[in-house]
PDB file of all heavy atoms in Angstrom:
ATOM      1  N   GLY A   1       0.791  -1.219   0.000  1.00  0.00           N
ATOM      2  CA  GLY A   1       0.000   0.000   0.000  1.00  0.00           C
ATOM      3  C   GLY A   1       0.824   1.270   0.000  1.00  0.00           C
ATOM      4  O   GLY A   1       0.617   2.173  -0.822  1.00  0.00           O
ATOM      5  N   LYS A   2       1.791   1.371   0.889  1.00  0.00           N
ATOM      6  CA  LYS A   2       2.603   2.591   0.983  1.00  0.00           C
ATOM      7  C   LYS A   2       3.404   2.811  -0.288  1.00  0.00           C
ATOM      8  O   LYS A   2       3.553   3.951  -0.766  1.00  0.00           O
ATOM      9  CB  LYS A   2       3.526   2.513   2.185  1.00  0.00           C
ATOM     10  CG  LYS A   2       4.265   3.818   2.462  1.00  0.00           C
ATOM     11  CD  LYS A   2       5.050   3.750   3.760  1.00  0.00           C
ATOM     12  CE  LYS A   2       5.732   5.084   4.045  1.00  0.00           C
ATOM     13  NZ  LYS A   2       6.499   5.044   5.317  1.00  0.00           N
ATOM     14  N   GLN A   3       3.917   1.724  -0.860  1.00  0.00           N
ATOM     15  CA  GLN A   3       4.692   1.845  -2.101  1.00  0.00           C
ATOM     16  C   GLN A   3       3.829   2.377  -3.249  1.00  0.00           C
ATOM     17  O   GLN A   3       4.315   3.117  -4.112  1.00  0.00           O
ATOM     18  CB  GLN A   3       5.293   0.485  -2.484  1.00  0.00           C
ATOM     19  CG  GLN A   3       6.469   0.048  -1.626  1.00  0.00           C
ATOM     20  CD  GLN A   3       6.054  -0.499  -0.261  1.00  0.00           C
ATOM     21  OE1 GLN A   3       4.850  -0.618   0.019  1.00  0.00           O
ATOM     22  NE2 GLN A   3       7.020  -0.820   0.574  1.00  0.00           N
ATOM     23  N   LEU A   4       2.539   2.002  -3.251  1.00  0.00           N
ATOM     24  CA  LEU A   4       1.633   2.510  -4.273  1.00  0.00           C
ATOM     25  C   LEU A   4       1.479   4.022  -4.164  1.00  0.00           C
ATOM     26  O   LEU A   4       1.470   4.734  -5.172  1.00  0.00           O
ATOM     27  CB  LEU A   4       0.265   1.825  -4.152  1.00  0.00           C
ATOM     28  CG  LEU A   4       0.221   0.333  -4.494  1.00  0.00           C
ATOM     29  CD1 LEU A   4      -1.143  -0.247  -4.164  1.00  0.00           C
ATOM     30  CD2 LEU A   4       0.540   0.112  -5.965  1.00  0.00           C
ATOM     31  N   PHE A   5       1.380   4.521  -2.938  1.00  0.00           N
ATOM     32  CA  PHE A   5       1.263   5.969  -2.727  1.00  0.00           C
ATOM     33  C   PHE A   5       2.559   6.677  -3.116  1.00  0.00           C
ATOM     34  O   PHE A   5       2.536   7.793  -3.656  1.00  0.00           O
ATOM     35  CB  PHE A   5       0.917   6.272  -1.266  1.00  0.00           C
ATOM     36  CG  PHE A   5      -0.540   6.177  -0.955  1.00  0.00           C
ATOM     37  CD1 PHE A   5      -1.154   4.953  -0.767  1.00  0.00           C
ATOM     38  CD2 PHE A   5      -1.320   7.321  -0.845  1.00  0.00           C
ATOM     39  CE1 PHE A   5      -2.508   4.853  -0.478  1.00  0.00           C
ATOM     40  CE2 PHE A   5      -2.674   7.247  -0.557  1.00  0.00           C
ATOM     41  CZ  PHE A   5      -3.273   6.007  -0.386  1.00  0.00           C
ATOM     42  N   MET A   6       3.696   6.040  -2.858  1.00  0.00           N
ATOM     43  CA  MET A   6       4.986   6.645  -3.180  1.00  0.00           C
ATOM     44  C   MET A   6       5.178   6.805  -4.685  1.00  0.00           C
ATOM     45  O   MET A   6       5.941   7.664  -5.128  1.00  0.00           O
ATOM     46  CB  MET A   6       6.115   5.797  -2.584  1.00  0.00           C
ATOM     47  CG  MET A   6       6.173   5.842  -1.060  1.00  0.00           C
ATOM     48  SD  MET A   6       7.344   4.638  -0.348  1.00  0.00           S
ATOM     49  CE  MET A   6       8.898   5.338  -0.918  1.00  0.00           C
ATOM     50  N   ALA A   7       4.479   5.969  -5.476  1.00  0.00           N
ATOM     51  CA  ALA A   7       4.582   6.085  -6.928  1.00  0.00           C
ATOM     52  C   ALA A   7       3.943   7.371  -7.436  1.00  0.00           C
ATOM     53  O   ALA A   7       4.294   7.876  -8.509  1.00  0.00           O
ATOM     54  CB  ALA A   7       3.927   4.874  -7.591  1.00  0.00           C
ATOM     55  N   PHE A   8       3.006   7.922  -6.661  1.00  0.00           N
ATOM     56  CA  PHE A   8       2.297   9.126  -7.067  1.00  0.00           C
ATOM     57  C   PHE A   8       2.934  10.399  -6.529  1.00  0.00           C
ATOM     58  O   PHE A   8       2.826  11.455  -7.145  1.00  0.00           O
ATOM     59  CB  PHE A   8       0.839   9.075  -6.588  1.00  0.00           C
ATOM     60  CG  PHE A   8      -0.047   8.160  -7.378  1.00  0.00           C
ATOM     61  CD1 PHE A   8      -0.065   6.800  -7.125  1.00  0.00           C
ATOM     62  CD2 PHE A   8      -0.853   8.647  -8.380  1.00  0.00           C
ATOM     63  CE1 PHE A   8      -0.876   5.950  -7.836  1.00  0.00           C
ATOM     64  CE2 PHE A   8      -1.671   7.807  -9.111  1.00  0.00           C
ATOM     65  CZ  PHE A   8      -1.681   6.444  -8.840  1.00  0.00           C
ATOM     66  N   SER A   9       3.511  10.324  -5.364  1.00  0.00           N
ATOM     67  CA  SER A   9       3.974  11.542  -4.706  1.00  0.00           C
ATOM     68  C   SER A   9       5.282  11.297  -3.956  1.00  0.00           C
ATOM     69  O   SER A   9       5.479  10.226  -3.376  1.00  0.00           O
ATOM     70  CB  SER A   9       2.898  12.048  -3.728  1.00  0.00           C
ATOM     71  OG  SER A   9       3.372  13.146  -2.971  1.00  0.00           O
ATOM     72  N   ALA A  10       6.132  12.308  -3.970  1.00  0.00           N
ATOM     73  CA  ALA A  10       7.392  12.242  -3.219  1.00  0.00           C
ATOM     74  C   ALA A  10       7.259  12.933  -1.861  1.00  0.00           C
ATOM     75  O   ALA A  10       8.241  13.035  -1.124  1.00  0.00           O
ATOM     76  CB  ALA A  10       8.502  12.890  -4.037  1.00  0.00           C
ATOM     77  N   ASP A  11       6.064  13.388  -1.527  1.00  0.00           N
ATOM     78  CA  ASP A  11       5.832  14.121  -0.281  1.00  0.00           C
ATOM     79  C   ASP A  11       5.775  13.152   0.906  1.00  0.00           C
ATOM     80  O   ASP A  11       4.877  12.303   0.972  1.00  0.00           O
ATOM     81  CB  ASP A  11       4.514  14.903  -0.391  1.00  0.00           C
ATOM     82  CG  ASP A  11       4.342  15.903   0.741  1.00  0.00           C
ATOM     83  OD1 ASP A  11       4.967  15.721   1.799  1.00  0.00           O
ATOM     84  OD2 ASP A  11       3.558  16.856   0.570  1.00  0.00           O
ATOM     85  N   PRO A  12       6.682  13.269   1.885  1.00  0.00           N
ATOM     86  CA  PRO A  12       6.661  12.375   3.060  1.00  0.00           C
ATOM     87  C   PRO A  12       5.356  12.455   3.850  1.00  0.00           C
ATOM     88  O   PRO A  12       4.936  11.465   4.467  1.00  0.00           O
ATOM     89  CB  PRO A  12       7.846  12.865   3.902  1.00  0.00           C
ATOM     90  CG  PRO A  12       8.747  13.571   2.929  1.00  0.00           C
ATOM     91  CD  PRO A  12       7.829  14.188   1.926  1.00  0.00           C
ATOM     92  N   ALA A  13       4.716  13.630   3.843  1.00  0.00           N
ATOM     93  CA  ALA A  13       3.453  13.779   4.574  1.00  0.00           C
ATOM     94  C   ALA A  13       2.359  12.911   3.948  1.00  0.00           C
ATOM     95  O   ALA A  13       1.528  12.331   4.655  1.00  0.00           O
ATOM     96  CB  ALA A  13       3.021  15.245   4.582  1.00  0.00           C
ATOM     97  N   VAL A  14       2.346  12.808   2.621  1.00  0.00           N
ATOM     98  CA  VAL A  14       1.383  11.944   1.936  1.00  0.00           C
ATOM     99  C   VAL A  14       1.659  10.484   2.265  1.00  0.00           C
ATOM    100  O   VAL A  14       0.743   9.699   2.516  1.00  0.00           O
ATOM    101  CB  VAL A  14       1.433  12.189   0.407  1.00  0.00           C
ATOM    102  CG1 VAL A  14       0.559  11.175  -0.328  1.00  0.00           C
ATOM    103  CG2 VAL A  14       0.979  13.613   0.079  1.00  0.00           C
ATOM    104  N   HIS A  15       2.930  10.113   2.281  1.00  0.00           N
ATOM    105  CA  HIS A  15       3.306   8.732   2.628  1.00  0.00           C
ATOM    106  C   HIS A  15       2.855   8.398   4.045  1.00  0.00           C
ATOM    107  O   HIS A  15       2.358   7.295   4.303  1.00  0.00           O
ATOM    108  CB  HIS A  15       4.820   8.544   2.513  1.00  0.00           C
ATOM    109  CG  HIS A  15       5.368   8.883   1.165  1.00  0.00           C
ATOM    110  ND1 HIS A  15       6.717   9.107   0.927  1.00  0.00           N
ATOM    111  CD2 HIS A  15       4.747   9.076  -0.041  1.00  0.00           C
ATOM    112  CE1 HIS A  15       6.892   9.391  -0.352  1.00  0.00           C
ATOM    113  NE2 HIS A  15       5.714   9.388  -0.955  1.00  0.00           N
ATOM    114  N   ALA A  16       3.016   9.364   4.966  1.00  0.00           N
ATOM    115  CA  ALA A  16       2.661   9.121   6.364  1.00  0.00           C
ATOM    116  C   ALA A  16       1.158   8.926   6.542  1.00  0.00           C
ATOM    117  O   ALA A  16       0.714   8.114   7.361  1.00  0.00           O
ATOM    118  CB  ALA A  16       3.147  10.288   7.223  1.00  0.00           C
ATOM    119  N   MET A  17       0.351   9.647   5.768  1.00  0.00           N
ATOM    120  CA  MET A  17      -1.105   9.563   5.908  1.00  0.00           C
ATOM    121  C   MET A  17      -1.700   8.389   5.139  1.00  0.00           C
ATOM    122  O   MET A  17      -2.876   8.062   5.310  1.00  0.00           O
ATOM    123  CB  MET A  17      -1.761  10.862   5.424  1.00  0.00           C
ATOM    124  CG  MET A  17      -1.442  12.076   6.257  1.00  0.00           C
ATOM    125  SD  MET A  17      -2.460  13.516   5.815  1.00  0.00           S
ATOM    126  CE  MET A  17      -4.056  13.031   6.464  1.00  0.00           C
ATOM    127  N   SER A  18      -0.907   7.755   4.272  1.00  0.00           N
ATOM    128  CA  SER A  18      -1.437   6.675   3.444  1.00  0.00           C
ATOM    129  C   SER A  18      -1.957   5.504   4.267  1.00  0.00           C
ATOM    130  O   SER A  18      -2.921   4.843   3.883  1.00  0.00           O
ATOM    131  CB  SER A  18      -0.370   6.188   2.469  1.00  0.00           C
ATOM    132  OG  SER A  18       0.728   5.603   3.154  1.00  0.00           O
ATOM    133  N   GLY A  19      -1.321   5.237   5.427  1.00  0.00           N
ATOM    134  CA  GLY A  19      -1.757   4.125   6.278  1.00  0.00           C
ATOM    135  C   GLY A  19      -3.181   4.296   6.766  1.00  0.00           C
ATOM    136  O   GLY A  19      -3.938   3.317   6.842  1.00  0.00           O
ATOM    137  N   GLU A  20      -3.568   5.536   7.098  1.00  0.00           N
ATOM    138  CA  GLU A  20      -4.938   5.800   7.550  1.00  0.00           C
ATOM    139  C   GLU A  20      -5.943   5.520   6.437  1.00  0.00           C
ATOM    140  O   GLU A  20      -7.000   4.938   6.672  1.00  0.00           O
ATOM    141  CB  GLU A  20      -5.068   7.258   8.006  1.00  0.00           C
ATOM    142  CG  GLU A  20      -4.433   7.572   9.340  1.00  0.00           C
ATOM    143  CD  GLU A  20      -4.751   8.995   9.764  1.00  0.00           C
ATOM    144  OE1 GLU A  20      -5.902   9.256  10.210  1.00  0.00           O
ATOM    145  OE2 GLU A  20      -3.873   9.858   9.622  1.00  0.00           O
ATOM    146  N   PHE A  21      -5.594   5.978   5.241  1.00  0.00           N
ATOM    147  CA  PHE A  21      -6.496   5.756   4.107  1.00  0.00           C
ATOM    148  C   PHE A  21      -6.692   4.268   3.859  1.00  0.00           C
ATOM    149  O   PHE A  21      -7.829   3.789   3.695  1.00  0.00           O
ATOM    150  CB  PHE A  21      -5.940   6.429   2.849  1.00  0.00           C
ATOM    151  CG  PHE A  21      -6.838   6.278   1.639  1.00  0.00           C
ATOM    152  CD1 PHE A  21      -7.783   7.240   1.350  1.00  0.00           C
ATOM    153  CD2 PHE A  21      -6.746   5.156   0.809  1.00  0.00           C
ATOM    154  CE1 PHE A  21      -8.624   7.105   0.245  1.00  0.00           C
ATOM    155  CE2 PHE A  21      -7.579   5.010  -0.290  1.00  0.00           C
ATOM    156  CZ  PHE A  21      -8.527   5.984  -0.570  1.00  0.00           C
ATOM    157  N   ILE A  22      -5.607   3.513   3.829  1.00  0.00           N
ATOM    158  CA  ILE A  22      -5.683   2.081   3.536  1.00  0.00           C
ATOM    159  C   ILE A  22      -6.505   1.351   4.590  1.00  0.00           C
ATOM    160  O   ILE A  22      -7.354   0.515   4.273  1.00  0.00           O
ATOM    161  CB  ILE A  22      -4.261   1.479   3.440  1.00  0.00           C
ATOM    162  CG1 ILE A  22      -3.533   2.065   2.220  1.00  0.00           C
ATOM    163  CG2 ILE A  22      -4.311  -0.048   3.344  1.00  0.00           C
ATOM    164  CD1 ILE A  22      -2.055   1.751   2.175  1.00  0.00           C
ATOM    165  N   ALA A  23      -6.254   1.670   5.869  1.00  0.00           N
ATOM    166  CA  ALA A  23      -6.975   1.000   6.955  1.00  0.00           C
ATOM    167  C   ALA A  23      -8.479   1.228   6.862  1.00  0.00           C
ATOM    168  O   ALA A  23      -9.285   0.352   7.216  1.00  0.00           O
ATOM    169  CB  ALA A  23      -6.452   1.493   8.307  1.00  0.00           C
ATOM    170  N   ALA A  24      -8.875   2.407   6.369  1.00  0.00           N
ATOM    171  CA  ALA A  24     -10.305   2.725   6.280  1.00  0.00           C
ATOM    172  C   ALA A  24     -10.948   2.146   5.019  1.00  0.00           C
ATOM    173  O   ALA A  24     -12.052   1.604   5.063  1.00  0.00           O
ATOM    174  CB  ALA A  24     -10.493   4.246   6.315  1.00  0.00           C
ATOM    175  N   ILE A  25     -10.242   2.232   3.891  1.00  0.00           N
ATOM    176  CA  ILE A  25     -10.867   1.860   2.618  1.00  0.00           C
ATOM    177  C   ILE A  25     -11.030   0.355   2.470  1.00  0.00           C
ATOM    178  O   ILE A  25     -11.891  -0.120   1.702  1.00  0.00           O
ATOM    179  CB  ILE A  25     -10.049   2.437   1.434  1.00  0.00           C
ATOM    180  CG1 ILE A  25     -10.940   2.618   0.194  1.00  0.00           C
ATOM    181  CG2 ILE A  25      -8.864   1.552   1.102  1.00  0.00           C
ATOM    182  CD1 ILE A  25     -12.019   3.641   0.336  1.00  0.00           C
ATOM    183  N   LEU A  26     -10.234  -0.437   3.175  1.00  0.00           N
ATOM    184  CA  LEU A  26     -10.324  -1.893   3.050  1.00  0.00           C
ATOM    185  C   LEU A  26     -11.694  -2.428   3.457  1.00  0.00           C
ATOM    186  O   LEU A  26     -12.106  -3.497   2.990  1.00  0.00           O
ATOM    187  CB  LEU A  26      -9.229  -2.566   3.884  1.00  0.00           C
ATOM    188  CG  LEU A  26      -7.813  -2.532   3.286  1.00  0.00           C
ATOM    189  CD1 LEU A  26      -6.811  -3.131   4.263  1.00  0.00           C
ATOM    190  CD2 LEU A  26      -7.761  -3.267   1.955  1.00  0.00           C
ATOM    191  N   TRP A  27     -12.407  -1.703   4.313  1.00  0.00           N
ATOM    192  CA  TRP A  27     -13.739  -2.146   4.734  1.00  0.00           C
ATOM    193  C   TRP A  27     -14.732  -2.155   3.559  1.00  0.00           C
ATOM    194  O   TRP A  27     -15.756  -2.826   3.620  1.00  0.00           O
ATOM    195  CB  TRP A  27     -14.268  -1.238   5.842  1.00  0.00           C
ATOM    196  CG  TRP A  27     -13.540  -1.404   7.145  1.00  0.00           C
ATOM    197  CD1 TRP A  27     -12.549  -0.602   7.639  1.00  0.00           C
ATOM    198  CD2 TRP A  27     -13.738  -2.439   8.107  1.00  0.00           C
ATOM    199  NE1 TRP A  27     -12.117  -1.076   8.859  1.00  0.00           N
ATOM    200  CE2 TRP A  27     -12.832  -2.202   9.184  1.00  0.00           C
ATOM    201  CE3 TRP A  27     -14.589  -3.541   8.187  1.00  0.00           C
ATOM    202  CZ2 TRP A  27     -12.755  -3.022  10.294  1.00  0.00           C
ATOM    203  CZ3 TRP A  27     -14.526  -4.366   9.304  1.00  0.00           C
ATOM    204  CH2 TRP A  27     -13.613  -4.105  10.339  1.00  0.00           C
ATOM    205  N   MET A  28     -14.435  -1.425   2.513  1.00  0.00           N
ATOM    206  CA  MET A  28     -15.348  -1.321   1.373  1.00  0.00           C
ATOM    207  C   MET A  28     -15.268  -2.532   0.443  1.00  0.00           C
ATOM    208  O   MET A  28     -16.232  -2.848  -0.253  1.00  0.00           O
ATOM    209  CB  MET A  28     -15.024  -0.047   0.582  1.00  0.00           C
ATOM    210  CG  MET A  28     -15.867   0.179  -0.665  1.00  0.00           C
ATOM    211  SD  MET A  28     -15.469   1.736  -1.516  1.00  0.00           S
ATOM    212  CE  MET A  28     -13.824   1.369  -2.127  1.00  0.00           C
ATOM    213  N   PHE A  29     -14.145  -3.219   0.421  1.00  0.00           N
ATOM    214  CA  PHE A  29     -13.893  -4.227  -0.600  1.00  0.00           C
ATOM    215  C   PHE A  29     -14.902  -5.383  -0.641  1.00  0.00           C
ATOM    216  O   PHE A  29     -15.328  -5.784  -1.731  1.00  0.00           O
ATOM    217  CB  PHE A  29     -12.471  -4.766  -0.454  1.00  0.00           C
ATOM    218  CG  PHE A  29     -11.423  -3.872  -1.074  1.00  0.00           C
ATOM    219  CD1 PHE A  29     -11.388  -2.516  -0.787  1.00  0.00           C
ATOM    220  CD2 PHE A  29     -10.488  -4.373  -1.949  1.00  0.00           C
ATOM    221  CE1 PHE A  29     -10.444  -1.678  -1.343  1.00  0.00           C
ATOM    222  CE2 PHE A  29      -9.539  -3.545  -2.530  1.00  0.00           C
ATOM    223  CZ  PHE A  29      -9.507  -2.193  -2.221  1.00  0.00           C
ATOM    224  N   PRO A  30     -15.296  -5.964   0.496  1.00  0.00           N
ATOM    225  CA  PRO A  30     -16.295  -7.047   0.414  1.00  0.00           C
ATOM    226  C   PRO A  30     -17.611  -6.598  -0.213  1.00  0.00           C
ATOM    227  O   PRO A  30     -18.236  -7.361  -0.964  1.00  0.00           O
ATOM    228  CB  PRO A  30     -16.484  -7.457   1.884  1.00  0.00           C
ATOM    229  CG  PRO A  30     -15.209  -7.070   2.557  1.00  0.00           C
ATOM    230  CD  PRO A  30     -14.779  -5.812   1.874  1.00  0.00           C
ATOM    231  N   ALA A  31     -18.021  -5.360   0.060  1.00  0.00           N
ATOM    232  CA  ALA A  31     -19.267  -4.852  -0.532  1.00  0.00           C
ATOM    233  C   ALA A  31     -19.142  -4.728  -2.039  1.00  0.00           C
ATOM    234  O   ALA A  31     -20.084  -5.044  -2.778  1.00  0.00           O
ATOM    235  CB  ALA A  31     -19.613  -3.492   0.081  1.00  0.00           C
TER     236      ALA A  31
END
């Protein structure tokens, strides 16, 4: 997941926040 975000942006702040996004969005996948 983090590596995917790093492909889009070199901003460390974006990399740091990526974990929150991933943890939340995974709940959507079964639906």
